[in-house]
Amino acid sequence: MDAVLEVPSMAKKKSAPKGRPKSAEGPRTHVLGIRGREAWKEWLSLFADHCRSDMVDLIDDSLEAYAKAKGFEAPPKR
């Protein structure tokens, strides 16, 4: 005798949302692209390593320092 047991269907668990949580400031967008020669990129990378930073943060910090030196307001959070 073959008996088939029917199992009632259950609701599936909702998965956690994927990606980063939404920011109150809104999404980041592409702001600037810098074109340069490979030698300049290598120099920038070496300078960033020297400062224990990456190229993007080095440029961000440099712009902030330059604005301050020129008497300009501090930039908003990137």
PDB file of N, CA and C in Angstrom:
ATOM      1  N   MET A   1       0.833  -1.169   0.000  1.00  0.00           N
ATOM      2  CA  MET A   1       0.000   0.000   0.000  1.00  0.00           C
ATOM      3  C   MET A   1       0.884   1.240   0.000  1.00  0.00           C
ATOM      4  N   ASP A   2       0.737   2.066  -1.012  1.00  0.00           N
ATOM      5  CA  ASP A   2       1.494   3.311  -1.119  1.00  0.00           C
ATOM      6  C   ASP A   2       0.638   4.457  -0.616  1.00  0.00           C
ATOM      7  N   ALA A   3       1.107   5.079   0.458  1.00  0.00           N
ATOM      8  CA  ALA A   3       0.388   6.224   1.019  1.00  0.00           C
ATOM      9  C   ALA A   3       1.161   7.492   0.683  1.00  0.00           C
ATOM     10  N   VAL A   4       0.452   8.478   0.240  1.00  0.00           N
ATOM     11  CA  VAL A   4       1.070   9.763  -0.076  1.00  0.00           C
ATOM     12  C   VAL A   4       0.653  10.749   0.993  1.00  0.00           C
ATOM     13  N   LEU A   5       1.647  11.307   1.649  1.00  0.00           N
ATOM     14  CA  LEU A   5       1.359  12.301   2.671  1.00  0.00           C
ATOM     15  C   LEU A   5       1.400  13.690   2.048  1.00  0.00           C
ATOM     16  N   GLU A   6       0.375  14.430   2.287  1.00  0.00           N
ATOM     17  CA  GLU A   6       0.357  15.802   1.786  1.00  0.00           C
ATOM     18  C   GLU A   6       0.778  16.735   2.907  1.00  0.00           C
ATOM     19  N   VAL A   7       1.728  17.573   2.592  1.00  0.00           N
ATOM     20  CA  VAL A   7       2.210  18.549   3.572  1.00  0.00           C
ATOM     21  C   VAL A   7       1.603  19.892   3.205  1.00  0.00           C
ATOM     22  N   PRO A   8       0.992  20.558   4.179  1.00  0.00           N
ATOM     23  CA  PRO A   8       0.411  21.862   3.856  1.00  0.00           C
ATOM     24  C   PRO A   8       1.512  22.850   3.449  1.00  0.00           C
ATOM     25  N   SER A   9       1.204  23.684   2.477  1.00  0.00           N
ATOM     26  CA  SER A   9       2.205  24.660   2.036  1.00  0.00           C
ATOM     27  C   SER A   9       2.333  25.756   3.087  1.00  0.00           C
ATOM     28  N   MET A  10       3.566  26.190   3.287  1.00  0.00           N
ATOM     29  CA  MET A  10       3.843  27.219   4.288  1.00  0.00           C
ATOM     30  C   MET A  10       4.339  28.468   3.574  1.00  0.00           C
ATOM     31  N   ALA A  11       4.135  29.591   4.210  1.00  0.00           N
ATOM     32  CA  ALA A  11       4.625  30.841   3.645  1.00  0.00           C
ATOM     33  C   ALA A  11       6.149  30.842   3.678  1.00  0.00           C
ATOM     34  N   LYS A  12       6.747  31.398   2.641  1.00  0.00           N
ATOM     35  CA  LYS A  12       8.198  31.471   2.582  1.00  0.00           C
ATOM     36  C   LYS A  12       8.678  32.647   3.430  1.00  0.00           C
ATOM     37  N   LYS A  13       9.831  32.465   4.054  1.00  0.00           N
ATOM     38  CA  LYS A  13      10.408  33.545   4.844  1.00  0.00           C
ATOM     39  C   LYS A  13      10.928  34.621   3.897  1.00  0.00           C
ATOM     40  N   LYS A  14      10.749  35.884   4.294  1.00  0.00           N
ATOM     41  CA  LYS A  14      11.265  36.982   3.499  1.00  0.00           C
ATOM     42  C   LYS A  14      12.764  37.075   3.721  1.00  0.00           C
ATOM     43  N   SER A  15      13.493  37.256   2.631  1.00  0.00           N
ATOM     44  CA  SER A  15      14.940  37.394   2.758  1.00  0.00           C
ATOM     45  C   SER A  15      15.273  38.824   3.167  1.00  0.00           C
ATOM     46  N   ALA A  16      16.431  38.981   3.755  1.00  0.00           N
ATOM     47  CA  ALA A  16      16.879  40.305   4.165  1.00  0.00           C
ATOM     48  C   ALA A  16      17.121  41.156   2.919  1.00  0.00           C
ATOM     49  N   PRO A  17      16.903  42.463   3.016  1.00  0.00           N
ATOM     50  CA  PRO A  17      17.164  43.308   1.852  1.00  0.00           C
ATOM     51  C   PRO A  17      18.634  43.241   1.462  1.00  0.00           C
ATOM     52  N   LYS A  18      18.885  43.279   0.163  1.00  0.00           N
ATOM     53  CA  LYS A  18      20.250  43.182  -0.339  1.00  0.00           C
ATOM     54  C   LYS A  18      20.846  44.572  -0.521  1.00  0.00           C
ATOM     55  N   GLY A  19      22.163  44.654  -0.431  1.00  0.00           N
ATOM     56  CA  GLY A  19      22.861  45.908  -0.658  1.00  0.00           C
ATOM     57  C   GLY A  19      22.962  46.749   0.602  1.00  0.00           C
ATOM     58  N   ARG A  20      23.450  47.948   0.412  1.00  0.00           N
ATOM     59  CA  ARG A  20      23.617  48.875   1.528  1.00  0.00           C
ATOM     60  C   ARG A  20      22.269  49.481   1.906  1.00  0.00           C
ATOM     61  N   PRO A  21      22.144  49.863   3.176  1.00  0.00           N
ATOM     62  CA  PRO A  21      20.900  50.555   3.561  1.00  0.00           C
ATOM     63  C   PRO A  21      20.836  51.934   2.889  1.00  0.00           C
ATOM     64  N   LYS A  22      19.642  52.410   2.647  1.00  0.00           N
ATOM     65  CA  LYS A  22      19.453  53.703   2.002  1.00  0.00           C
ATOM     66  C   LYS A  22      19.969  54.805   2.923  1.00  0.00           C
ATOM     67  N   SER A  23      20.591  55.813   2.338  1.00  0.00           N
ATOM     68  CA  SER A  23      21.143  56.932   3.084  1.00  0.00           C
ATOM     69  C   SER A  23      20.140  58.080   3.119  1.00  0.00           C
ATOM     70  N   ALA A  24      20.131  58.809   4.222  1.00  0.00           N
ATOM     71  CA  ALA A  24      19.243  59.968   4.333  1.00  0.00           C
ATOM     72  C   ALA A  24      19.661  61.070   3.364  1.00  0.00           C
ATOM     73  N   GLU A  25      20.957  61.106   2.999  1.00  0.00           N
ATOM     74  CA  GLU A  25      21.455  62.123   2.074  1.00  0.00           C
ATOM     75  C   GLU A  25      21.153  61.787   0.623  1.00  0.00           C
ATOM     76  N   GLY A  26      20.686  60.596   0.365  1.00  0.00           N
ATOM     77  CA  GLY A  26      20.401  60.187  -1.002  1.00  0.00           C
ATOM     78  C   GLY A  26      21.556  59.396  -1.584  1.00  0.00           C
ATOM     79  N   PRO A  27      21.382  58.850  -2.779  1.00  0.00           N
ATOM     80  CA  PRO A  27      22.423  58.008  -3.378  1.00  0.00           C
ATOM     81  C   PRO A  27      23.598  58.837  -3.878  1.00  0.00           C
ATOM     82  N   ARG A  28      24.757  58.197  -3.945  1.00  0.00           N
ATOM     83  CA  ARG A  28      25.934  58.836  -4.523  1.00  0.00           C
ATOM     84  C   ARG A  28      25.876  58.676  -6.034  1.00  0.00           C
ATOM     85  N   THR A  29      26.371  59.679  -6.722  1.00  0.00           N
ATOM     86  CA  THR A  29      26.433  59.606  -8.178  1.00  0.00           C
ATOM     87  C   THR A  29      27.872  59.826  -8.627  1.00  0.00           C
ATOM     88  N   HIS A  30      28.153  59.494  -9.863  1.00  0.00           N
ATOM     89  CA  HIS A  30      29.479  59.728 -10.416  1.00  0.00           C
ATOM     90  C   HIS A  30      29.656  61.230 -10.563  1.00  0.00           C
ATOM     91  N   VAL A  31      30.701  61.778  -9.936  1.00  0.00           N
ATOM     92  CA  VAL A  31      30.903  63.218  -9.923  1.00  0.00           C
ATOM     93  C   VAL A  31      31.994  63.655 -10.880  1.00  0.00           C
ATOM     94  N   LEU A  32      33.111  62.931 -10.899  1.00  0.00           N
ATOM     95  CA  LEU A  32      34.258  63.407 -11.640  1.00  0.00           C
ATOM     96  C   LEU A  32      35.088  62.237 -12.132  1.00  0.00           C
ATOM     97  N   GLY A  33      35.579  62.337 -13.326  1.00  0.00           N
ATOM     98  CA  GLY A  33      36.530  61.368 -13.854  1.00  0.00           C
ATOM     99  C   GLY A  33      37.802  62.123 -14.214  1.00  0.00           C
ATOM    100  N   ILE A  34      38.933  61.597 -13.845  1.00  0.00           N
ATOM    101  CA  ILE A  34      40.198  62.266 -14.121  1.00  0.00           C
ATOM    102  C   ILE A  34      40.979  61.440 -15.143  1.00  0.00           C
ATOM    103  N   ARG A  35      41.354  62.084 -16.217  1.00  0.00           N
ATOM    104  CA  ARG A  35      42.168  61.411 -17.231  1.00  0.00           C
ATOM    105  C   ARG A  35      43.612  61.800 -17.011  1.00  0.00           C
ATOM    106  N   GLY A  36      44.492  60.844 -17.134  1.00  0.00           N
ATOM    107  CA  GLY A  36      45.906  61.127 -16.956  1.00  0.00           C
ATOM    108  C   GLY A  36      46.739  59.992 -17.535  1.00  0.00           C
ATOM    109  N   ARG A  37      47.989  60.234 -17.620  1.00  0.00           N
ATOM    110  CA  ARG A  37      48.915  59.223 -18.134  1.00  0.00           C
ATOM    111  C   ARG A  37      49.205  58.201 -17.043  1.00  0.00           C
ATOM    112  N   GLU A  38      49.689  57.044 -17.470  1.00  0.00           N
ATOM    113  CA  GLU A  38      49.972  55.949 -16.540  1.00  0.00           C
ATOM    114  C   GLU A  38      51.010  56.363 -15.489  1.00  0.00           C
ATOM    115  N   ALA A  39      52.008  57.152 -15.888  1.00  0.00           N
ATOM    116  CA  ALA A  39      53.040  57.604 -14.941  1.00  0.00           C
ATOM    117  C   ALA A  39      52.430  58.471 -13.844  1.00  0.00           C
ATOM    118  N   TRP A  40      51.458  59.328 -14.191  1.00  0.00           N
ATOM    119  CA  TRP A  40      50.794  60.177 -13.196  1.00  0.00           C
ATOM    120  C   TRP A  40      49.962  59.322 -12.241  1.00  0.00           C
ATOM    121  N   LYS A  41      49.274  58.340 -12.796  1.00  0.00           N
ATOM    122  CA  LYS A  41      48.477  57.438 -11.962  1.00  0.00           C
ATOM    123  C   LYS A  41      49.371  56.681 -10.983  1.00  0.00           C
ATOM    124  N   GLU A  42      50.517  56.229 -11.454  1.00  0.00           N
ATOM    125  CA  GLU A  42      51.458  55.515 -10.591  1.00  0.00           C
ATOM    126  C   GLU A  42      51.967  56.437  -9.488  1.00  0.00           C
ATOM    127  N   TRP A  43      52.290  57.688  -9.847  1.00  0.00           N
ATOM    128  CA  TRP A  43      52.731  58.665  -8.854  1.00  0.00           C
ATOM    129  C   TRP A  43      51.640  58.896  -7.804  1.00  0.00           C
ATOM    130  N   LEU A  44      50.401  59.060  -8.259  1.00  0.00           N
ATOM    131  CA  LEU A  44      49.282  59.285  -7.343  1.00  0.00           C
ATOM    132  C   LEU A  44      49.090  58.086  -6.422  1.00  0.00           C
ATOM    133  N   SER A  45      49.197  56.900  -6.966  1.00  0.00           N
ATOM    134  CA  SER A  45      49.068  55.678  -6.168  1.00  0.00           C
ATOM    135  C   SER A  45      50.174  55.589  -5.121  1.00  0.00           C
ATOM    136  N   LEU A  46      51.407  55.909  -5.504  1.00  0.00           N
ATOM    137  CA  LEU A  46      52.525  55.888  -4.552  1.00  0.00           C
ATOM    138  C   LEU A  46      52.339  56.931  -3.457  1.00  0.00           C
ATOM    139  N   PHE A  47      51.867  58.121  -3.835  1.00  0.00           N
ATOM    140  CA  PHE A  47      51.611  59.170  -2.847  1.00  0.00           C
ATOM    141  C   PHE A  47      50.499  58.746  -1.890  1.00  0.00           C
ATOM    142  N   ALA A  48      49.444  58.124  -2.417  1.00  0.00           N
ATOM    143  CA  ALA A  48      48.352  57.636  -1.574  1.00  0.00           C
ATOM    144  C   ALA A  48      48.862  56.575  -0.601  1.00  0.00           C
ATOM    145  N   ASP A  49      49.690  55.654  -1.086  1.00  0.00           N
ATOM    146  CA  ASP A  49      50.273  54.641  -0.199  1.00  0.00           C
ATOM    147  C   ASP A  49      51.127  55.297   0.880  1.00  0.00           C
ATOM    148  N   HIS A  50      51.894  56.291   0.508  1.00  0.00           N
ATOM    149  CA  HIS A  50      52.739  57.020   1.460  1.00  0.00           C
ATOM    150  C   HIS A  50      51.883  57.653   2.567  1.00  0.00           C
ATOM    151  N   CYS A  51      50.698  58.123   2.191  1.00  0.00           N
ATOM    152  CA  CYS A  51      49.779  58.764   3.145  1.00  0.00           C
ATOM    153  C   CYS A  51      48.855  57.756   3.834  1.00  0.00           C
ATOM    154  N   ARG A  52      49.068  56.467   3.570  1.00  0.00           N
ATOM    155  CA  ARG A  52      48.226  55.403   4.120  1.00  0.00           C
ATOM    156  C   ARG A  52      46.757  55.643   3.770  1.00  0.00           C
ATOM    157  N   SER A  53      46.521  55.888   2.502  1.00  0.00           N
ATOM    158  CA  SER A  53      45.197  56.220   2.003  1.00  0.00           C
ATOM    159  C   SER A  53      45.014  55.561   0.643  1.00  0.00           C
ATOM    160  N   ASP A  54      43.856  55.760   0.044  1.00  0.00           N
ATOM    161  CA  ASP A  54      43.681  55.352  -1.347  1.00  0.00           C
ATOM    162  C   ASP A  54      43.562  56.612  -2.193  1.00  0.00           C
ATOM    163  N   MET A  55      43.577  56.459  -3.490  1.00  0.00           N
ATOM    164  CA  MET A  55      43.613  57.618  -4.374  1.00  0.00           C
ATOM    165  C   MET A  55      42.390  58.516  -4.208  1.00  0.00           C
ATOM    166  N   VAL A  56      41.219  57.939  -4.047  1.00  0.00           N
ATOM    167  CA  VAL A  56      39.995  58.736  -3.928  1.00  0.00           C
ATOM    168  C   VAL A  56      40.013  59.558  -2.643  1.00  0.00           C
ATOM    169  N   ASP A  57      40.367  58.929  -1.517  1.00  0.00           N
ATOM    170  CA  ASP A  57      40.406  59.663  -0.254  1.00  0.00           C
ATOM    171  C   ASP A  57      41.519  60.704  -0.250  1.00  0.00           C
ATOM    172  N   LEU A  58      42.634  60.408  -0.900  1.00  0.00           N
ATOM    173  CA  LEU A  58      43.722  61.377  -0.998  1.00  0.00           C
ATOM    174  C   LEU A  58      43.256  62.624  -1.741  1.00  0.00           C
ATOM    175  N   ILE A  59      42.561  62.442  -2.845  1.00  0.00           N
ATOM    176  CA  ILE A  59      42.057  63.586  -3.616  1.00  0.00           C
ATOM    177  C   ILE A  59      41.018  64.342  -2.801  1.00  0.00           C
ATOM    178  N   ASP A  60      40.149  63.631  -2.102  1.00  0.00           N
ATOM    179  CA  ASP A  60      39.134  64.263  -1.252  1.00  0.00           C
ATOM    180  C   ASP A  60      39.802  65.100  -0.160  1.00  0.00           C
ATOM    181  N   ASP A  61      40.788  64.527   0.529  1.00  0.00           N
ATOM    182  CA  ASP A  61      41.497  65.250   1.589  1.00  0.00           C
ATOM    183  C   ASP A  61      42.253  66.450   1.022  1.00  0.00           C
ATOM    184  N   SER A  62      42.850  66.269  -0.152  1.00  0.00           N
ATOM    185  CA  SER A  62      43.610  67.359  -0.777  1.00  0.00           C
ATOM    186  C   SER A  62      42.701  68.529  -1.156  1.00  0.00           C
ATOM    187  N   LEU A  63      41.546  68.236  -1.704  1.00  0.00           N
ATOM    188  CA  LEU A  63      40.605  69.297  -2.062  1.00  0.00           C
ATOM    189  C   LEU A  63      40.107  70.027  -0.826  1.00  0.00           C
ATOM    190  N   GLU A  64      39.867  69.282   0.248  1.00  0.00           N
ATOM    191  CA  GLU A  64      39.425  69.910   1.490  1.00  0.00           C
ATOM    192  C   GLU A  64      40.511  70.850   2.032  1.00  0.00           C
ATOM    193  N   ALA A  65      41.771  70.400   2.027  1.00  0.00           N
ATOM    194  CA  ALA A  65      42.875  71.223   2.513  1.00  0.00           C
ATOM    195  C   ALA A  65      43.070  72.455   1.625  1.00  0.00           C
ATOM    196  N   TYR A  66      42.932  72.281   0.317  1.00  0.00           N
ATOM    197  CA  TYR A  66      43.096  73.398  -0.611  1.00  0.00           C
ATOM    198  C   TYR A  66      41.989  74.438  -0.410  1.00  0.00           C
ATOM    199  N   ALA A  67      40.763  73.982  -0.237  1.00  0.00           N
ATOM    200  CA  ALA A  67      39.649  74.905   0.007  1.00  0.00           C
ATOM    201  C   ALA A  67      39.878  75.683   1.311  1.00  0.00           C
ATOM    202  N   LYS A  68      40.349  74.999   2.342  1.00  0.00           N
ATOM    203  CA  LYS A  68      40.627  75.651   3.619  1.00  0.00           C
ATOM    204  C   LYS A  68      41.736  76.682   3.465  1.00  0.00           C
ATOM    205  N   ALA A  69      42.803  76.333   2.726  1.00  0.00           N
ATOM    206  CA  ALA A  69      43.918  77.251   2.511  1.00  0.00           C
ATOM    207  C   ALA A  69      43.481  78.497   1.742  1.00  0.00           C
ATOM    208  N   LYS A  70      42.487  78.357   0.895  1.00  0.00           N
ATOM    209  CA  LYS A  70      41.969  79.476   0.107  1.00  0.00           C
ATOM    210  C   LYS A  70      40.867  80.240   0.838  1.00  0.00           C
ATOM    211  N   GLY A  71      40.544  79.838   2.065  1.00  0.00           N
ATOM    212  CA  GLY A  71      39.501  80.515   2.826  1.00  0.00           C
ATOM    213  C   GLY A  71      38.100  80.157   2.387  1.00  0.00           C
ATOM    214  N   PHE A  72      37.942  79.000   1.773  1.00  0.00           N
ATOM    215  CA  PHE A  72      36.634  78.561   1.290  1.00  0.00           C
ATOM    216  C   PHE A  72      36.017  77.623   2.303  1.00  0.00           C
ATOM    217  N   GLU A  73      34.722  77.456   2.265  1.00  0.00           N
ATOM    218  CA  GLU A  73      34.023  76.598   3.206  1.00  0.00           C
ATOM    219  C   GLU A  73      34.431  75.128   3.021  1.00  0.00           C
ATOM    220  N   ALA A  74      34.285  74.378   4.112  1.00  0.00           N
ATOM    221  CA  ALA A  74      34.591  72.946   4.069  1.00  0.00           C
ATOM    222  C   ALA A  74      33.551  72.242   3.198  1.00  0.00           C
ATOM    223  N   PRO A  75      33.969  71.211   2.479  1.00  0.00           N
ATOM    224  CA  PRO A  75      33.006  70.480   1.637  1.00  0.00           C
ATOM    225  C   PRO A  75      32.050  69.650   2.489  1.00  0.00           C
ATOM    226  N   PRO A  76      30.871  69.337   1.939  1.00  0.00           N
ATOM    227  CA  PRO A  76      29.973  68.436   2.666  1.00  0.00           C
ATOM    228  C   PRO A  76      30.528  67.018   2.665  1.00  0.00           C
ATOM    229  N   LYS A  77      29.950  66.182   3.490  1.00  0.00           N
ATOM    230  CA  LYS A  77      30.359  64.782   3.538  1.00  0.00           C
ATOM    231  C   LYS A  77      30.182  64.171   2.161  1.00  0.00           C
ATOM    232  N   ARG A  78      31.218  63.457   1.701  1.00  0.00           N
ATOM    233  CA  ARG A  78      31.178  62.847   0.385  1.00  0.00           C
ATOM    234  C   ARG A  78      30.288  61.636   0.442  1.00  0.00           C
TER     235      ARG A  78
END
